[in-house]
N, C-alpha and C. Protein backbone atom coordinates (compact mmCIF):
# COMPACT_ATOMS: atom_id res chain seq x y z
N MET A 1 53.67 -21.74 -23.06
CA MET A 1 54.93 -22.08 -22.45
C MET A 1 55.87 -20.88 -22.59
N SER A 2 56.54 -20.53 -21.51
CA SER A 2 57.45 -19.40 -21.50
C SER A 2 58.72 -19.73 -22.27
N THR A 3 59.26 -18.73 -22.95
CA THR A 3 60.53 -18.91 -23.64
C THR A 3 61.66 -18.30 -22.82
N GLU A 4 61.34 -17.71 -21.65
CA GLU A 4 62.34 -17.10 -20.79
C GLU A 4 62.99 -18.17 -19.91
N PRO A 5 64.26 -17.94 -19.52
CA PRO A 5 64.88 -18.88 -18.59
C PRO A 5 64.07 -18.96 -17.29
N GLU A 6 64.06 -20.12 -16.68
CA GLU A 6 63.24 -20.36 -15.49
C GLU A 6 63.53 -19.36 -14.37
N ASP A 7 64.80 -18.99 -14.16
CA ASP A 7 65.13 -18.07 -13.08
C ASP A 7 64.55 -16.69 -13.32
N VAL A 8 64.42 -16.27 -14.58
CA VAL A 8 63.80 -14.98 -14.89
C VAL A 8 62.32 -15.01 -14.57
N VAL A 9 61.66 -16.08 -14.93
CA VAL A 9 60.23 -16.23 -14.65
C VAL A 9 60.00 -16.22 -13.15
N GLU A 10 60.81 -16.95 -12.38
CA GLU A 10 60.66 -17.01 -10.93
C GLU A 10 60.82 -15.64 -10.30
N LYS A 11 61.72 -14.81 -10.77
CA LYS A 11 61.94 -13.47 -10.22
C LYS A 11 60.73 -12.57 -10.42
N HIS A 12 59.97 -12.80 -11.47
CA HIS A 12 58.83 -11.94 -11.79
C HIS A 12 57.50 -12.51 -11.31
N THR A 13 57.52 -13.68 -10.73
CA THR A 13 56.30 -14.30 -10.23
C THR A 13 56.08 -13.90 -8.79
N THR A 14 54.95 -13.25 -8.52
CA THR A 14 54.68 -12.81 -7.16
C THR A 14 53.56 -13.60 -6.51
N GLN A 15 52.73 -14.22 -7.31
CA GLN A 15 51.61 -14.97 -6.76
C GLN A 15 51.23 -16.07 -7.74
N THR A 16 50.88 -17.23 -7.20
CA THR A 16 50.43 -18.32 -8.06
C THR A 16 49.06 -18.77 -7.61
N GLY A 17 48.34 -19.37 -8.50
CA GLY A 17 47.02 -19.88 -8.19
C GLY A 17 46.40 -20.45 -9.45
N ARG A 18 45.21 -20.97 -9.27
CA ARG A 18 44.48 -21.55 -10.40
C ARG A 18 43.07 -21.01 -10.39
N THR A 19 42.52 -20.93 -11.55
CA THR A 19 41.12 -20.53 -11.67
C THR A 19 40.50 -21.34 -12.79
N LEU A 20 39.20 -21.42 -12.79
CA LEU A 20 38.49 -22.18 -13.80
C LEU A 20 37.49 -21.27 -14.50
N LEU A 21 37.63 -21.13 -15.79
CA LEU A 21 36.67 -20.38 -16.59
C LEU A 21 35.76 -21.37 -17.28
N GLN A 22 34.49 -21.05 -17.30
CA GLN A 22 33.55 -21.87 -18.06
C GLN A 22 33.34 -21.18 -19.40
N LEU A 23 33.54 -21.92 -20.47
CA LEU A 23 33.39 -21.40 -21.83
C LEU A 23 32.23 -22.11 -22.50
N ASN A 24 31.24 -21.34 -22.93
CA ASN A 24 30.05 -21.91 -23.57
C ASN A 24 29.87 -21.31 -24.96
N GLU A 25 29.71 -22.19 -25.94
CA GLU A 25 29.43 -21.73 -27.30
C GLU A 25 27.92 -21.51 -27.43
N GLN A 26 27.56 -20.35 -27.94
CA GLN A 26 26.16 -20.00 -28.12
C GLN A 26 25.66 -20.50 -29.48
N SER A 27 24.35 -20.49 -29.67
CA SER A 27 23.76 -20.99 -30.92
C SER A 27 24.20 -20.18 -32.14
N ASP A 28 24.59 -18.91 -31.91
CA ASP A 28 25.04 -18.08 -33.04
C ASP A 28 26.53 -18.23 -33.33
N GLY A 29 27.20 -19.13 -32.58
CA GLY A 29 28.62 -19.39 -32.81
C GLY A 29 29.55 -18.54 -31.96
N THR A 30 29.03 -17.55 -31.23
CA THR A 30 29.87 -16.77 -30.34
C THR A 30 30.07 -17.52 -29.03
N TRP A 31 30.99 -17.05 -28.24
CA TRP A 31 31.34 -17.71 -26.98
C TRP A 31 31.13 -16.78 -25.80
N ILE A 32 30.81 -17.37 -24.65
CA ILE A 32 30.68 -16.63 -23.40
C ILE A 32 31.60 -17.28 -22.38
N ALA A 33 32.39 -16.46 -21.68
CA ALA A 33 33.27 -16.93 -20.61
C ALA A 33 32.72 -16.44 -19.28
N THR A 34 32.55 -17.35 -18.33
CA THR A 34 32.07 -16.99 -17.00
C THR A 34 32.90 -17.74 -15.97
N GLN A 35 32.68 -17.35 -14.71
CA GLN A 35 33.35 -18.03 -13.61
C GLN A 35 32.37 -18.09 -12.44
N MET A 36 32.35 -19.22 -11.75
CA MET A 36 31.42 -19.42 -10.65
C MET A 36 31.56 -18.30 -9.60
N ASP A 37 30.44 -17.76 -9.17
CA ASP A 37 30.36 -16.75 -8.12
C ASP A 37 30.91 -15.38 -8.52
N ILE A 38 31.18 -15.15 -9.80
CA ILE A 38 31.64 -13.85 -10.28
C ILE A 38 30.61 -13.34 -11.27
N GLU A 39 30.14 -12.12 -11.04
CA GLU A 39 29.08 -11.58 -11.89
C GLU A 39 29.63 -10.78 -13.07
N LEU A 40 30.59 -11.37 -13.76
CA LEU A 40 31.12 -10.80 -14.98
C LEU A 40 31.01 -11.84 -16.07
N GLU A 41 31.05 -11.36 -17.30
CA GLU A 41 30.91 -12.25 -18.45
C GLU A 41 31.76 -11.69 -19.58
N GLY A 42 32.53 -12.54 -20.21
CA GLY A 42 33.28 -12.14 -21.38
C GLY A 42 32.66 -12.75 -22.61
N THR A 43 32.73 -12.06 -23.72
CA THR A 43 32.17 -12.58 -24.97
C THR A 43 33.18 -12.43 -26.09
N GLY A 44 33.05 -13.28 -27.10
CA GLY A 44 33.94 -13.20 -28.23
C GLY A 44 33.55 -14.14 -29.34
N GLU A 45 34.17 -13.94 -30.48
CA GLU A 45 33.92 -14.78 -31.66
C GLU A 45 34.53 -16.16 -31.49
N THR A 46 35.50 -16.28 -30.58
CA THR A 46 36.13 -17.57 -30.28
C THR A 46 36.17 -17.73 -28.76
N ALA A 47 36.43 -18.94 -28.29
CA ALA A 47 36.55 -19.18 -26.86
C ALA A 47 37.72 -18.37 -26.29
N ALA A 48 38.81 -18.30 -27.02
CA ALA A 48 39.98 -17.54 -26.55
C ALA A 48 39.67 -16.06 -26.42
N LEU A 49 38.94 -15.50 -27.38
CA LEU A 49 38.58 -14.08 -27.30
C LEU A 49 37.60 -13.82 -26.16
N ALA A 50 36.71 -14.75 -25.91
CA ALA A 50 35.78 -14.60 -24.78
C ALA A 50 36.55 -14.63 -23.47
N ALA A 51 37.52 -15.53 -23.35
CA ALA A 51 38.34 -15.61 -22.15
C ALA A 51 39.16 -14.34 -21.97
N MET A 52 39.70 -13.82 -23.05
CA MET A 52 40.47 -12.58 -22.99
C MET A 52 39.58 -11.42 -22.55
N ASP A 53 38.38 -11.34 -23.09
CA ASP A 53 37.44 -10.30 -22.71
C ASP A 53 37.08 -10.40 -21.24
N TYR A 54 36.86 -11.62 -20.78
CA TYR A 54 36.53 -11.85 -19.37
C TYR A 54 37.69 -11.39 -18.48
N CYS A 55 38.90 -11.78 -18.80
CA CYS A 55 40.06 -11.40 -17.99
C CYS A 55 40.27 -9.90 -17.98
N ARG A 56 40.03 -9.24 -19.12
CA ARG A 56 40.14 -7.78 -19.17
C ARG A 56 39.14 -7.14 -18.23
N LYS A 57 37.91 -7.66 -18.21
CA LYS A 57 36.88 -7.11 -17.32
C LYS A 57 37.21 -7.34 -15.86
N VAL A 58 37.77 -8.50 -15.53
CA VAL A 58 38.20 -8.76 -14.16
C VAL A 58 39.27 -7.77 -13.75
N ALA A 59 40.24 -7.54 -14.63
CA ALA A 59 41.32 -6.59 -14.32
C ALA A 59 40.77 -5.18 -14.12
N GLU A 60 39.82 -4.78 -14.93
CA GLU A 60 39.24 -3.43 -14.82
C GLU A 60 38.41 -3.25 -13.57
N ASN A 61 37.77 -4.33 -13.11
CA ASN A 61 36.86 -4.25 -11.97
C ASN A 61 37.51 -4.67 -10.66
N GLY A 62 38.79 -5.02 -10.73
CA GLY A 62 39.56 -5.38 -9.55
C GLY A 62 38.95 -6.38 -8.69
């Protein structure tokens, strides 16, 4: 949840949308984040870290 006033957030928002990440816990306790029809994968010690890794890779690969 944003702590900024709503009008500040609206001024900085240029695009909205939704996406769905699939998060799977592996047998070794690590997590993998994927998205349908995207050939990238994020990994991490937690689901949040896997999602962060995935988003970083999406940003790098445009």
